[in-house]
Amino acid sequence: MKDENIYLIHIAECIQRIEAYTQEGKEAFFTDTKTQDAVLRNLQTLAESTRYLPDSLKASIPGVDWNGIAAFRNVVVHDYLGIDTNQIWDIVEHDLPDLKRKIEPALKQRGLKPEPPKR
């Protein structure tokens, strides 16, 4: 298994990419399928990365619905035709900022700094 820090950084980097992809707002997101695909891919990658975090690390980051993230990953991977873009936007607008706030202390505690997205 890779170092748990790699997965924690990867989660933070996925959040940063999604923030960059959606910076033009809701209307732009709903009218651009490339942006929707990029966001969905990063959400899938983020959710996949959470599967490799040890339970002790998850327990040290209170208030995160790790099981909900894993369940979302299963929907993305296995029921991709049933994905609702309204639900995706809700995740982008509400859940990701919350997740970002909650993982930041764990990143700082470990001296980790995610790479900013490349343009």
PDB file of N, CA and C in Angstrom:
ATOM      1  N   MET A   1       0.838  -1.185   0.000  1.00  0.00           N
ATOM      2  CA  MET A   1       0.000   0.000   0.000  1.00  0.00           C
ATOM      3  C   MET A   1       0.884   1.250   0.000  1.00  0.00           C
ATOM      4  N   LYS A   2       0.475   2.232  -0.756  1.00  0.00           N
ATOM      5  CA  LYS A   2       1.203   3.494  -0.803  1.00  0.00           C
ATOM      6  C   LYS A   2       1.042   4.229   0.522  1.00  0.00           C
ATOM      7  N   ASP A   3       1.915   5.185   0.723  1.00  0.00           N
ATOM      8  CA  ASP A   3       1.857   6.040   1.904  1.00  0.00           C
ATOM      9  C   ASP A   3       0.503   6.745   1.948  1.00  0.00           C
ATOM     10  N   GLU A   4      -0.140   6.710   3.105  1.00  0.00           N
ATOM     11  CA  GLU A   4      -1.468   7.322   3.256  1.00  0.00           C
ATOM     12  C   GLU A   4      -1.465   8.803   2.906  1.00  0.00           C
ATOM     13  N   ASN A   5      -0.312   9.453   3.070  1.00  0.00           N
ATOM     14  CA  ASN A   5      -0.225  10.877   2.747  1.00  0.00           C
ATOM     15  C   ASN A   5      -0.478  11.143   1.267  1.00  0.00           C
ATOM     16  N   ILE A   6      -0.064  10.212   0.424  1.00  0.00           N
ATOM     17  CA  ILE A   6      -0.282  10.368  -1.018  1.00  0.00           C
ATOM     18  C   ILE A   6      -1.770  10.485  -1.311  1.00  0.00           C
ATOM     19  N   TYR A   7      -2.569   9.666  -0.664  1.00  0.00           N
ATOM     20  CA  TYR A   7      -4.011   9.688  -0.919  1.00  0.00           C
ATOM     21  C   TYR A   7      -4.661  10.946  -0.351  1.00  0.00           C
ATOM     22  N   LEU A   8      -4.184  11.397   0.783  1.00  0.00           N
ATOM     23  CA  LEU A   8      -4.720  12.627   1.370  1.00  0.00           C
ATOM     24  C   LEU A   8      -4.400  13.829   0.473  1.00  0.00           C
ATOM     25  N   ILE A   9      -3.177  13.892  -0.024  1.00  0.00           N
ATOM     26  CA  ILE A   9      -2.807  14.959  -0.957  1.00  0.00           C
ATOM     27  C   ILE A   9      -3.642  14.853  -2.226  1.00  0.00           C
ATOM     28  N   HIS A  10      -3.820  13.644  -2.706  1.00  0.00           N
ATOM     29  CA  HIS A  10      -4.589  13.437  -3.938  1.00  0.00           C
ATOM     30  C   HIS A  10      -6.025  13.938  -3.779  1.00  0.00           C
ATOM     31  N   ILE A  11      -6.619  13.699  -2.639  1.00  0.00           N
ATOM     32  CA  ILE A  11      -7.978  14.194  -2.368  1.00  0.00           C
ATOM     33  C   ILE A  11      -7.990  15.720  -2.439  1.00  0.00           C
ATOM     34  N   ALA A  12      -7.018  16.353  -1.802  1.00  0.00           N
ATOM     35  CA  ALA A  12      -6.936  17.820  -1.815  1.00  0.00           C
ATOM     36  C   ALA A  12      -6.715  18.345  -3.229  1.00  0.00           C
ATOM     37  N   GLU A  13      -5.888  17.665  -4.008  1.00  0.00           N
ATOM     38  CA  GLU A  13      -5.638  18.103  -5.383  1.00  0.00           C
ATOM     39  C   GLU A  13      -6.880  17.953  -6.253  1.00  0.00           C
ATOM     40  N   CYS A  14      -7.646  16.907  -6.048  1.00  0.00           N
ATOM     41  CA  CYS A  14      -8.904  16.749  -6.789  1.00  0.00           C
ATOM     42  C   CYS A  14      -9.860  17.892  -6.464  1.00  0.00           C
ATOM     43  N   ILE A  15      -9.929  18.262  -5.201  1.00  0.00           N
ATOM     44  CA  ILE A  15     -10.789  19.381  -4.805  1.00  0.00           C
ATOM     45  C   ILE A  15     -10.321  20.661  -5.491  1.00  0.00           C
ATOM     46  N   GLN A  16      -9.015  20.900  -5.506  1.00  0.00           N
ATOM     47  CA  GLN A  16      -8.482  22.099  -6.159  1.00  0.00           C
ATOM     48  C   GLN A  16      -8.827  22.121  -7.647  1.00  0.00           C
ATOM     49  N   ARG A  17      -8.688  20.983  -8.310  1.00  0.00           N
ATOM     50  CA  ARG A  17      -9.014  20.922  -9.739  1.00  0.00           C
ATOM     51  C   ARG A  17     -10.489  21.227  -9.972  1.00  0.00           C
ATOM     52  N   ILE A  18     -11.343  20.635  -9.156  1.00  0.00           N
ATOM     53  CA  ILE A  18     -12.784  20.871  -9.305  1.00  0.00           C
ATOM     54  C   ILE A  18     -13.098  22.346  -9.080  1.00  0.00           C
ATOM     55  N   GLU A  19     -12.454  22.952  -8.094  1.00  0.00           N
ATOM     56  CA  GLU A  19     -12.648  24.391  -7.868  1.00  0.00           C
ATOM     57  C   GLU A  19     -12.250  25.193  -9.107  1.00  0.00           C
ATOM     58  N   ALA A  20     -11.126  24.826  -9.716  1.00  0.00           N
ATOM     59  CA  ALA A  20     -10.665  25.530 -10.916  1.00  0.00           C
ATOM     60  C   ALA A  20     -11.637  25.326 -12.081  1.00  0.00           C
ATOM     61  N   TYR A  21     -12.116  24.096 -12.247  1.00  0.00           N
ATOM     62  CA  TYR A  21     -13.016  23.793 -13.367  1.00  0.00           C
ATOM     63  C   TYR A  21     -14.362  24.493 -13.234  1.00  0.00           C
ATOM     64  N   THR A  22     -14.777  24.769 -12.012  1.00  0.00           N
ATOM     65  CA  THR A  22     -16.122  25.316 -11.787  1.00  0.00           C
ATOM     66  C   THR A  22     -16.109  26.789 -11.382  1.00  0.00           C
ATOM     67  N   GLN A  23     -14.984  27.434 -11.507  1.00  0.00           N
ATOM     68  CA  GLN A  23     -14.881  28.826 -11.059  1.00  0.00           C
ATOM     69  C   GLN A  23     -15.792  29.776 -11.828  1.00  0.00           C
ATOM     70  N   GLU A  24     -16.253  29.383 -13.004  1.00  0.00           N
ATOM     71  CA  GLU A  24     -17.153  30.250 -13.777  1.00  0.00           C
ATOM     72  C   GLU A  24     -18.605  30.125 -13.333  1.00  0.00           C
ATOM     73  N   GLY A  25     -18.880  29.227 -12.403  1.00  0.00           N
ATOM     74  CA  GLY A  25     -20.201  29.159 -11.807  1.00  0.00           C
ATOM     75  C   GLY A  25     -21.124  28.090 -12.359  1.00  0.00           C
ATOM     76  N   LYS A  26     -22.303  28.093 -11.800  1.00  0.00           N
ATOM     77  CA  LYS A  26     -23.310  27.064 -12.049  1.00  0.00           C
ATOM     78  C   LYS A  26     -23.754  27.011 -13.512  1.00  0.00           C
ATOM     79  N   GLU A  27     -24.067  28.150 -14.088  1.00  0.00           N
ATOM     80  CA  GLU A  27     -24.561  28.157 -15.470  1.00  0.00           C
ATOM     81  C   GLU A  27     -23.517  27.588 -16.425  1.00  0.00           C
ATOM     82  N   ALA A  28     -22.273  27.985 -16.244  1.00  0.00           N
ATOM     83  CA  ALA A  28     -21.199  27.464 -17.088  1.00  0.00           C
ATOM     84  C   ALA A  28     -21.052  25.956 -16.907  1.00  0.00           C
ATOM     85  N   PHE A  29     -21.175  25.497 -15.682  1.00  0.00           N
ATOM     86  CA  PHE A  29     -21.089  24.058 -15.417  1.00  0.00           C
ATOM     87  C   PHE A  29     -22.178  23.298 -16.167  1.00  0.00           C
ATOM     88  N   PHE A  30     -23.402  23.794 -16.102  1.00  0.00           N
ATOM     89  CA  PHE A  30     -24.525  23.080 -16.713  1.00  0.00           C
ATOM     90  C   PHE A  30     -24.520  23.137 -18.235  1.00  0.00           C
ATOM     91  N   THR A  31     -23.796  24.073 -18.821  1.00  0.00           N
ATOM     92  CA  THR A  31     -23.787  24.180 -20.282  1.00  0.00           C
ATOM     93  C   THR A  31     -22.537  23.594 -20.918  1.00  0.00           C
ATOM     94  N   ASP A  32     -21.596  23.128 -20.132  1.00  0.00           N
ATOM     95  CA  ASP A  32     -20.331  22.620 -20.670  1.00  0.00           C
ATOM     96  C   ASP A  32     -20.115  21.168 -20.249  1.00  0.00           C
ATOM     97  N   THR A  33     -20.346  20.262 -21.174  1.00  0.00           N
ATOM     98  CA  THR A  33     -20.204  18.837 -20.838  1.00  0.00           C
ATOM     99  C   THR A  33     -18.753  18.452 -20.545  1.00  0.00           C
ATOM    100  N   LYS A  34     -17.795  19.169 -21.120  1.00  0.00           N
ATOM    101  CA  LYS A  34     -16.393  18.874 -20.794  1.00  0.00           C
ATOM    102  C   LYS A  34     -16.123  19.159 -19.319  1.00  0.00           C
ATOM    103  N   THR A  35     -16.654  20.264 -18.838  1.00  0.00           N
ATOM    104  CA  THR A  35     -16.485  20.595 -17.421  1.00  0.00           C
ATOM    105  C   THR A  35     -17.183  19.561 -16.552  1.00  0.00           C
ATOM    106  N   GLN A  36     -18.381  19.169 -16.936  1.00  0.00           N
ATOM    107  CA  GLN A  36     -19.104  18.140 -16.180  1.00  0.00           C
ATOM    108  C   GLN A  36     -18.286  16.855 -16.124  1.00  0.00           C
ATOM    109  N   ASP A  37     -17.727  16.455 -17.272  1.00  0.00           N
ATOM    110  CA  ASP A  37     -16.922  15.233 -17.311  1.00  0.00           C
ATOM    111  C   ASP A  37     -15.671  15.355 -16.440  1.00  0.00           C
ATOM    112  N   ALA A  38     -15.011  16.514 -16.501  1.00  0.00           N
ATOM    113  CA  ALA A  38     -13.797  16.720 -15.706  1.00  0.00           C
ATOM    114  C   ALA A  38     -14.104  16.692 -14.211  1.00  0.00           C
ATOM    115  N   VAL A  39     -15.198  17.328 -13.836  1.00  0.00           N
ATOM    116  CA  VAL A  39     -15.600  17.341 -12.428  1.00  0.00           C
ATOM    117  C   VAL A  39     -15.940  15.931 -11.969  1.00  0.00           C
ATOM    118  N   LEU A  40     -16.724  15.239 -12.760  1.00  0.00           N
ATOM    119  CA  LEU A  40     -17.126  13.884 -12.397  1.00  0.00           C
ATOM    120  C   LEU A  40     -15.918  12.959 -12.273  1.00  0.00           C
ATOM    121  N   ARG A  41     -14.974  13.084 -13.180  1.00  0.00           N
ATOM    122  CA  ARG A  41     -13.767  12.257 -13.126  1.00  0.00           C
ATOM    123  C   ARG A  41     -12.980  12.536 -11.845  1.00  0.00           C
ATOM    124  N   ASN A  42     -12.859  13.796 -11.476  1.00  0.00           N
ATOM    125  CA  ASN A  42     -12.126  14.129 -10.253  1.00  0.00           C
ATOM    126  C   ASN A  42     -12.879  13.717  -9.003  1.00  0.00           C
ATOM    127  N   LEU A  43     -14.198  13.783  -9.035  1.00  0.00           N
ATOM    128  CA  LEU A  43     -14.980  13.271  -7.900  1.00  0.00           C
ATOM    129  C   LEU A  43     -14.775  11.768  -7.756  1.00  0.00           C
ATOM    130  N   GLN A  44     -14.743  11.074  -8.877  1.00  0.00           N
ATOM    131  CA  GLN A  44     -14.512   9.630  -8.848  1.00  0.00           C
ATOM    132  C   GLN A  44     -13.127   9.327  -8.278  1.00  0.00           C
ATOM    133  N   THR A  45     -12.127  10.057  -8.739  1.00  0.00           N
ATOM    134  CA  THR A  45     -10.760   9.851  -8.264  1.00  0.00           C
ATOM    135  C   THR A  45     -10.641  10.174  -6.779  1.00  0.00           C
ATOM    136  N   LEU A  46     -11.270  11.267  -6.366  1.00  0.00           N
ATOM    137  CA  LEU A  46     -11.285  11.649  -4.953  1.00  0.00           C
ATOM    138  C   LEU A  46     -11.900  10.532  -4.115  1.00  0.00           C
ATOM    139  N   ALA A  47     -13.062  10.068  -4.549  1.00  0.00           N
ATOM    140  CA  ALA A  47     -13.760   9.022  -3.795  1.00  0.00           C
ATOM    141  C   ALA A  47     -12.947   7.733  -3.760  1.00  0.00           C
ATOM    142  N   GLU A  48     -12.315   7.406  -4.868  1.00  0.00           N
ATOM    143  CA  GLU A  48     -11.471   6.208  -4.912  1.00  0.00           C
ATOM    144  C   GLU A  48     -10.309   6.342  -3.929  1.00  0.00           C
ATOM    145  N   SER A  49      -9.722   7.518  -3.844  1.00  0.00           N
ATOM    146  CA  SER A  49      -8.596   7.738  -2.930  1.00  0.00           C
ATOM    147  C   SER A  49      -8.996   7.546  -1.476  1.00  0.00           C
ATOM    148  N   THR A  50     -10.236   7.888  -1.138  1.00  0.00           N
ATOM    149  CA  THR A  50     -10.666   7.730   0.257  1.00  0.00           C
ATOM    150  C   THR A  50     -10.685   6.266   0.679  1.00  0.00           C
ATOM    151  N   ARG A  51     -10.833   5.378  -0.273  1.00  0.00           N
ATOM    152  CA  ARG A  51     -10.869   3.945   0.045  1.00  0.00           C
ATOM    153  C   ARG A  51      -9.544   3.457   0.619  1.00  0.00           C
ATOM    154  N   TYR A  52      -8.461   4.164   0.316  1.00  0.00           N
ATOM    155  CA  TYR A  52      -7.130   3.731   0.735  1.00  0.00           C
ATOM    156  C   TYR A  52      -6.624   4.449   1.986  1.00  0.00           C
ATOM    157  N   LEU A  53      -7.429   5.349   2.510  1.00  0.00           N
ATOM    158  CA  LEU A  53      -7.047   5.984   3.772  1.00  0.00           C
ATOM    159  C   LEU A  53      -7.294   5.010   4.914  1.00  0.00           C
ATOM    160  N   PRO A  54      -6.345   4.847   5.814  1.00  0.00           N
ATOM    161  CA  PRO A  54      -6.576   3.954   6.947  1.00  0.00           C
ATOM    162  C   PRO A  54      -7.667   4.510   7.866  1.00  0.00           C
ATOM    163  N   ASP A  55      -8.345   3.612   8.536  1.00  0.00           N
ATOM    164  CA  ASP A  55      -9.423   4.010   9.445  1.00  0.00           C
ATOM    165  C   ASP A  55      -8.939   4.988  10.511  1.00  0.00           C
ATOM    166  N   SER A  56      -7.695   4.822  10.957  1.00  0.00           N
ATOM    167  CA  SER A  56      -7.170   5.729  11.986  1.00  0.00           C
ATOM    168  C   SER A  56      -7.081   7.164  11.466  1.00  0.00           C
ATOM    169  N   LEU A  57      -6.707   7.327  10.204  1.00  0.00           N
ATOM    170  CA  LEU A  57      -6.652   8.670   9.623  1.00  0.00           C
ATOM    171  C   LEU A  57      -8.059   9.231   9.447  1.00  0.00           C
ATOM    172  N   LYS A  58      -8.976   8.410   8.960  1.00  0.00           N
ATOM    173  CA  LYS A  58     -10.367   8.853   8.806  1.00  0.00           C
ATOM    174  C   LYS A  58     -10.944   9.285  10.154  1.00  0.00           C
ATOM    175  N   ALA A  59     -10.640   8.527  11.186  1.00  0.00           N
ATOM    176  CA  ALA A  59     -11.159   8.847  12.521  1.00  0.00           C
ATOM    177  C   ALA A  59     -10.581  10.157  13.052  1.00  0.00           C
ATOM    178  N   SER A  60      -9.393  10.525  12.575  1.00  0.00           N
ATOM    179  CA  SER A  60      -8.760  11.765  13.040  1.00  0.00           C
ATOM    180  C   SER A  60      -9.312  13.007  12.333  1.00  0.00           C
ATOM    181  N   ILE A  61     -10.191  12.796  11.356  1.00  0.00           N
ATOM    182  CA  ILE A  61     -10.814  13.904  10.622  1.00  0.00           C
ATOM    183  C   ILE A  61     -12.311  13.820  10.882  1.00  0.00           C
ATOM    184  N   PRO A  62     -12.780  14.454  11.941  1.00  0.00           N
ATOM    185  CA  PRO A  62     -14.183  14.308  12.342  1.00  0.00           C
ATOM    186  C   PRO A  62     -15.154  14.981  11.374  1.00  0.00           C
ATOM    187  N   GLY A  63     -16.349  14.403  11.329  1.00  0.00           N
ATOM    188  CA  GLY A  63     -17.439  15.015  10.582  1.00  0.00           C
ATOM    189  C   GLY A  63     -17.475  14.724   9.102  1.00  0.00           C
ATOM    190  N   VAL A  64     -16.601  13.858   8.616  1.00  0.00           N
ATOM    191  CA  VAL A  64     -16.607  13.500   7.197  1.00  0.00           C
ATOM    192  C   VAL A  64     -17.386  12.200   7.031  1.00  0.00           C
ATOM    193  N   ASP A  65     -18.302  12.193   6.096  1.00  0.00           N
ATOM    194  CA  ASP A  65     -19.098  10.997   5.805  1.00  0.00           C
ATOM    195  C   ASP A  65     -18.330  10.116   4.816  1.00  0.00           C
ATOM    196  N   TRP A  66     -17.335   9.409   5.333  1.00  0.00           N
ATOM    197  CA  TRP A  66     -16.494   8.570   4.478  1.00  0.00           C
ATOM    198  C   TRP A  66     -17.314   7.501   3.771  1.00  0.00           C
ATOM    199  N   ASN A  67     -18.291   6.927   4.459  1.00  0.00           N
ATOM    200  CA  ASN A  67     -19.138   5.909   3.826  1.00  0.00           C
ATOM    201  C   ASN A  67     -19.974   6.510   2.702  1.00  0.00           C
ATOM    202  N   GLY A  68     -20.442   7.733   2.891  1.00  0.00           N
ATOM    203  CA  GLY A  68     -21.201   8.415   1.844  1.00  0.00           C
ATOM    204  C   GLY A  68     -20.351   8.688   0.617  1.00  0.00           C
ATOM    205  N   ILE A  69     -19.091   9.053   0.840  1.00  0.00           N
ATOM    206  CA  ILE A  69     -18.175   9.286  -0.282  1.00  0.00           C
ATOM    207  C   ILE A  69     -17.951   7.981  -1.040  1.00  0.00           C
ATOM    208  N   ALA A  70     -17.754   6.893  -0.313  1.00  0.00           N
ATOM    209  CA  ALA A  70     -17.563   5.589  -0.954  1.00  0.00           C
ATOM    210  C   ALA A  70     -18.806   5.172  -1.732  1.00  0.00           C
ATOM    211  N   ALA A  71     -19.972   5.423  -1.166  1.00  0.00           N
ATOM    212  CA  ALA A  71     -21.220   5.078  -1.853  1.00  0.00           C
ATOM    213  C   ALA A  71     -21.369   5.895  -3.131  1.00  0.00           C
ATOM    214  N   PHE A  72     -20.979   7.168  -3.082  1.00  0.00           N
ATOM    215  CA  PHE A  72     -21.035   8.003  -4.276  1.00  0.00           C
ATOM    216  C   PHE A  72     -20.107   7.452  -5.349  1.00  0.00           C
ATOM    217  N   ARG A  73     -18.928   7.016  -4.956  1.00  0.00           N
ATOM    218  CA  ARG A  73     -17.982   6.422  -5.902  1.00  0.00           C
ATOM    219  C   ARG A  73     -18.616   5.244  -6.618  1.00  0.00           C
ATOM    220  N   ASN A  74     -19.343   4.407  -5.880  1.00  0.00           N
ATOM    221  CA  ASN A  74     -19.995   3.252  -6.493  1.00  0.00           C
ATOM    222  C   ASN A  74     -21.048   3.678  -7.509  1.00  0.00           C
ATOM    223  N   VAL A  75     -21.760   4.751  -7.232  1.00  0.00           N
ATOM    224  CA  VAL A  75     -22.747   5.268  -8.187  1.00  0.00           C
ATOM    225  C   VAL A  75     -22.044   5.741  -9.453  1.00  0.00           C
ATOM    226  N   VAL A  76     -20.960   6.494  -9.280  1.00  0.00           N
ATOM    227  CA  VAL A  76     -20.232   7.020 -10.435  1.00  0.00           C
ATOM    228  C   VAL A  76     -19.696   5.883 -11.299  1.00  0.00           C
ATOM    229  N   VAL A  77     -19.148   4.870 -10.666  1.00  0.00           N
ATOM    230  CA  VAL A  77     -18.521   3.777 -11.404  1.00  0.00           C
ATOM    231  C   VAL A  77     -19.545   2.816 -11.996  1.00  0.00           C
ATOM    232  N   HIS A  78     -20.594   2.504 -11.246  1.00  0.00           N
ATOM    233  CA  HIS A  78     -21.505   1.441 -11.668  1.00  0.00           C
ATOM    234  C   HIS A  78     -22.847   1.921 -12.204  1.00  0.00           C
ATOM    235  N   ASP A  79     -23.222   3.149 -11.916  1.00  0.00           N
ATOM    236  CA  ASP A  79     -24.529   3.644 -12.357  1.00  0.00           C
ATOM    237  C   ASP A  79     -24.380   5.007 -13.022  1.00  0.00           C
ATOM    238  N   TYR A  80     -23.337   5.118 -13.865  1.00  0.00           N
ATOM    239  CA  TYR A  80     -23.010   6.413 -14.452  1.00  0.00           C
ATOM    240  C   TYR A  80     -24.125   6.992 -15.308  1.00  0.00           C
ATOM    241  N   LEU A  81     -25.019   6.173 -15.826  1.00  0.00           N
ATOM    242  CA  LEU A  81     -26.137   6.696 -16.614  1.00  0.00           C
ATOM    243  C   LEU A  81     -27.186   7.355 -15.733  1.00  0.00           C
ATOM    244  N   GLY A  82     -27.157   7.055 -14.447  1.00  0.00           N
ATOM    245  CA  GLY A  82     -28.137   7.619 -13.532  1.00  0.00           C
ATOM    246  C   GLY A  82     -27.648   8.847 -12.779  1.00  0.00           C
ATOM    247  N   ILE A  83     -26.518   9.401 -13.193  1.00  0.00           N
ATOM    248  CA  ILE A  83     -25.949  10.545 -12.483  1.00  0.00           C
ATOM    249  C   ILE A  83     -26.749  11.804 -12.803  1.00  0.00           C
ATOM    250  N   ASP A  84     -27.063  12.536 -11.767  1.00  0.00           N
ATOM    251  CA  ASP A  84     -27.847  13.765 -11.862  1.00  0.00           C
ATOM    252  C   ASP A  84     -26.895  14.960 -11.736  1.00  0.00           C
ATOM    253  N   THR A  85     -26.828  15.797 -12.770  1.00  0.00           N
ATOM    254  CA  THR A  85     -25.911  16.940 -12.723  1.00  0.00           C
ATOM    255  C   THR A  85     -26.282  17.930 -11.621  1.00  0.00           C
ATOM    256  N   ASN A  86     -27.546  17.976 -11.247  1.00  0.00           N
ATOM    257  CA  ASN A  86     -27.933  18.829 -10.115  1.00  0.00           C
ATOM    258  C   ASN A  86     -27.291  18.331  -8.823  1.00  0.00           C
ATOM    259  N   GLN A  87     -27.251  17.020  -8.666  1.00  0.00           N
ATOM    260  CA  GLN A  87     -26.611  16.436  -7.485  1.00  0.00           C
ATOM    261  C   GLN A  87     -25.105  16.722  -7.506  1.00  0.00           C
ATOM    262  N   ILE A  88     -24.508  16.621  -8.683  1.00  0.00           N
ATOM    263  CA  ILE A  88     -23.072  16.894  -8.801  1.00  0.00           C
ATOM    264  C   ILE A  88     -22.782  18.347  -8.419  1.00  0.00           C
ATOM    265  N   TRP A  89     -23.610  19.268  -8.919  1.00  0.00           N
ATOM    266  CA  TRP A  89     -23.391  20.676  -8.575  1.00  0.00           C
ATOM    267  C   TRP A  89     -23.558  20.905  -7.072  1.00  0.00           C
ATOM    268  N   ASP A  90     -24.523  20.250  -6.485  1.00  0.00           N
ATOM    269  CA  ASP A  90     -24.731  20.379  -5.040  1.00  0.00           C
ATOM    270  C   ASP A  90     -23.492  19.910  -4.273  1.00  0.00           C
ATOM    271  N   ILE A  91     -22.894  18.836  -4.734  1.00  0.00           N
ATOM    272  CA  ILE A  91     -21.654  18.342  -4.117  1.00  0.00           C
ATOM    273  C   ILE A  91     -20.550  19.388  -4.258  1.00  0.00           C
ATOM    274  N   VAL A  92     -20.423  19.940  -5.468  1.00  0.00           N
ATOM    275  CA  VAL A  92     -19.396  20.956  -5.731  1.00  0.00           C
ATOM    276  C   VAL A  92     -19.600  22.185  -4.851  1.00  0.00           C
ATOM    277  N   GLU A  93     -20.831  22.616  -4.752  1.00  0.00           N
ATOM    278  CA  GLU A  93     -21.140  23.860  -4.054  1.00  0.00           C
ATOM    279  C   GLU A  93     -21.137  23.724  -2.529  1.00  0.00           C
ATOM    280  N   HIS A  94     -21.546  22.565  -2.021  1.00  0.00           N
ATOM    281  CA  HIS A  94     -21.719  22.418  -0.569  1.00  0.00           C
ATOM    282  C   HIS A  94     -20.756  21.411   0.072  1.00  0.00           C
ATOM    283  N   ASP A  95     -20.679  20.230  -0.497  1.00  0.00           N
ATOM    284  CA  ASP A  95     -19.914  19.159   0.147  1.00  0.00           C
ATOM    285  C   ASP A  95     -18.404  19.334   0.020  1.00  0.00           C
ATOM    286  N   LEU A  96     -17.932  19.737  -1.163  1.00  0.00           N
ATOM    287  CA  LEU A  96     -16.484  19.864  -1.336  1.00  0.00           C
ATOM    288  C   LEU A  96     -15.863  20.955  -0.467  1.00  0.00           C
ATOM    289  N   PRO A  97     -16.466  22.145  -0.374  1.00  0.00           N
ATOM    290  CA  PRO A  97     -15.870  23.137   0.534  1.00  0.00           C
ATOM    291  C   PRO A  97     -15.807  22.633   1.978  1.00  0.00           C
ATOM    292  N   ASP A  98     -16.824  21.897   2.384  1.00  0.00           N
ATOM    293  CA  ASP A  98     -16.853  21.332   3.735  1.00  0.00           C
ATOM    294  C   ASP A  98     -15.748  20.291   3.903  1.00  0.00           C
ATOM    295  N   LEU A  99     -15.597  19.410   2.921  1.00  0.00           N
ATOM    296  CA  LEU A  99     -14.542  18.400   2.979  1.00  0.00           C
ATOM    297  C   LEU A  99     -13.171  19.071   2.993  1.00  0.00           C
ATOM    298  N   LYS A 100     -13.000  20.082   2.174  1.00  0.00           N
ATOM    299  CA  LYS A 100     -11.724  20.804   2.132  1.00  0.00           C
ATOM    300  C   LYS A 100     -11.379  21.377   3.505  1.00  0.00           C
ATOM    301  N   ARG A 101     -12.343  22.028   4.135  1.00  0.00           N
ATOM    302  CA  ARG A 101     -12.117  22.598   5.481  1.00  0.00           C
ATOM    303  C   ARG A 101     -11.732  21.515   6.489  1.00  0.00           C
ATOM    304  N   LYS A 102     -12.339  20.360   6.350  1.00  0.00           N
ATOM    305  CA  LYS A 102     -12.098  19.297   7.332  1.00  0.00           C
ATOM    306  C   LYS A 102     -10.762  18.592   7.135  1.00  0.00           C
ATOM    307  N   ILE A 103     -10.270  18.508   5.898  1.00  0.00           N
ATOM    308  CA  ILE A 103      -8.989  17.819   5.695  1.00  0.00           C
ATOM    309  C   ILE A 103      -7.792  18.757   5.834  1.00  0.00           C
ATOM    310  N   GLU A 104      -8.017  20.064   5.755  1.00  0.00           N
ATOM    311  CA  GLU A 104      -6.892  21.009   5.855  1.00  0.00           C
ATOM    312  C   GLU A 104      -6.069  20.836   7.129  1.00  0.00           C
ATOM    313  N   PRO A 105      -6.679  20.675   8.305  1.00  0.00           N
ATOM    314  CA  PRO A 105      -5.848  20.464   9.503  1.00  0.00           C
ATOM    315  C   PRO A 105      -4.982  19.200   9.412  1.00  0.00           C
ATOM    316  N   ALA A 106      -5.515  18.138   8.826  1.00  0.00           N
ATOM    317  CA  ALA A 106      -4.737  16.902   8.685  1.00  0.00           C
ATOM    318  C   ALA A 106      -3.562  17.110   7.735  1.00  0.00           C
ATOM    319  N   LEU A 107      -3.784  17.869   6.673  1.00  0.00           N
ATOM    320  CA  LEU A 107      -2.690  18.182   5.746  1.00  0.00           C
ATOM    321  C   LEU A 107      -1.610  18.994   6.459  1.00  0.00           C
ATOM    322  N   LYS A 108      -2.017  20.027   7.174  1.00  0.00           N
ATOM    323  CA  LYS A 108      -1.061  20.890   7.882  1.00  0.00           C
ATOM    324  C   LYS A 108      -0.299  20.115   8.943  1.00  0.00           C
ATOM    325  N   GLN A 109      -1.008  19.274   9.679  1.00  0.00           N
ATOM    326  CA  GLN A 109      -0.377  18.492  10.745  1.00  0.00           C
ATOM    327  C   GLN A 109       0.736  17.606  10.187  1.00  0.00           C
ATOM    328  N   ARG A 110       0.570  17.142   8.969  1.00  0.00           N
ATOM    329  CA  ARG A 110       1.555  16.262   8.341  1.00  0.00           C
ATOM    330  C   ARG A 110       2.563  17.030   7.486  1.00  0.00           C
ATOM    331  N   GLY A 111       2.423  18.357   7.426  1.00  0.00           N
ATOM    332  CA  GLY A 111       3.334  19.168   6.614  1.00  0.00           C
ATOM    333  C   GLY A 111       3.142  18.956   5.125  1.00  0.00           C
ATOM    334  N   LEU A 112       1.917  18.656   4.721  1.00  0.00           N
ATOM    335  CA  LEU A 112       1.626  18.355   3.319  1.00  0.00           C
ATOM    336  C   LEU A 112       1.024  19.568   2.624  1.00  0.00           C
ATOM    337  N   LYS A 113       1.443  19.764   1.395  1.00  0.00           N
ATOM    338  CA  LYS A 113       0.898  20.869   0.602  1.00  0.00           C
ATOM    339  C   LYS A 113       0.594  20.334  -0.797  1.00  0.00           C
ATOM    340  N   PRO A 114      -0.688  20.302  -1.164  1.00  0.00           N
ATOM    341  CA  PRO A 114      -1.027  19.807  -2.501  1.00  0.00           C
ATOM    342  C   PRO A 114      -0.509  20.748  -3.588  1.00  0.00           C
ATOM    343  N   GLU A 115      -0.180  20.161  -4.726  1.00  0.00           N
ATOM    344  CA  GLU A 115       0.259  20.948  -5.878  1.00  0.00           C
ATOM    345  C   GLU A 115      -0.930  21.699  -6.457  1.00  0.00           C
ATOM    346  N   PRO A 116      -0.746  22.975  -6.801  1.00  0.00           N
ATOM    347  CA  PRO A 116      -1.857  23.692  -7.443  1.00  0.00           C
ATOM    348  C   PRO A 116      -2.131  23.105  -8.825  1.00  0.00           C
ATOM    349  N   PRO A 117      -3.369  23.223  -9.297  1.00  0.00           N
ATOM    350  CA  PRO A 117      -3.693  22.672 -10.619  1.00  0.00           C
ATOM    351  C   PRO A 117      -2.883  23.363 -11.711  1.00  0.00           C
ATOM    352  N   LYS A 118      -2.498  22.578 -12.702  1.00  0.00           N
ATOM    353  CA  LYS A 118      -1.778  23.127 -13.853  1.00  0.00           C
ATOM    354  C   LYS A 118      -2.791  23.613 -14.870  1.00  0.00           C
ATOM    355  N   ARG A 119      -2.475  24.650 -15.548  1.00  0.00           N
ATOM    356  CA  ARG A 119      -3.389  25.186 -16.577  1.00  0.00           C
ATOM    357  C   ARG A 119      -2.836  24.919 -17.932  1.00  0.00           C
TER     358      ARG A 119
END
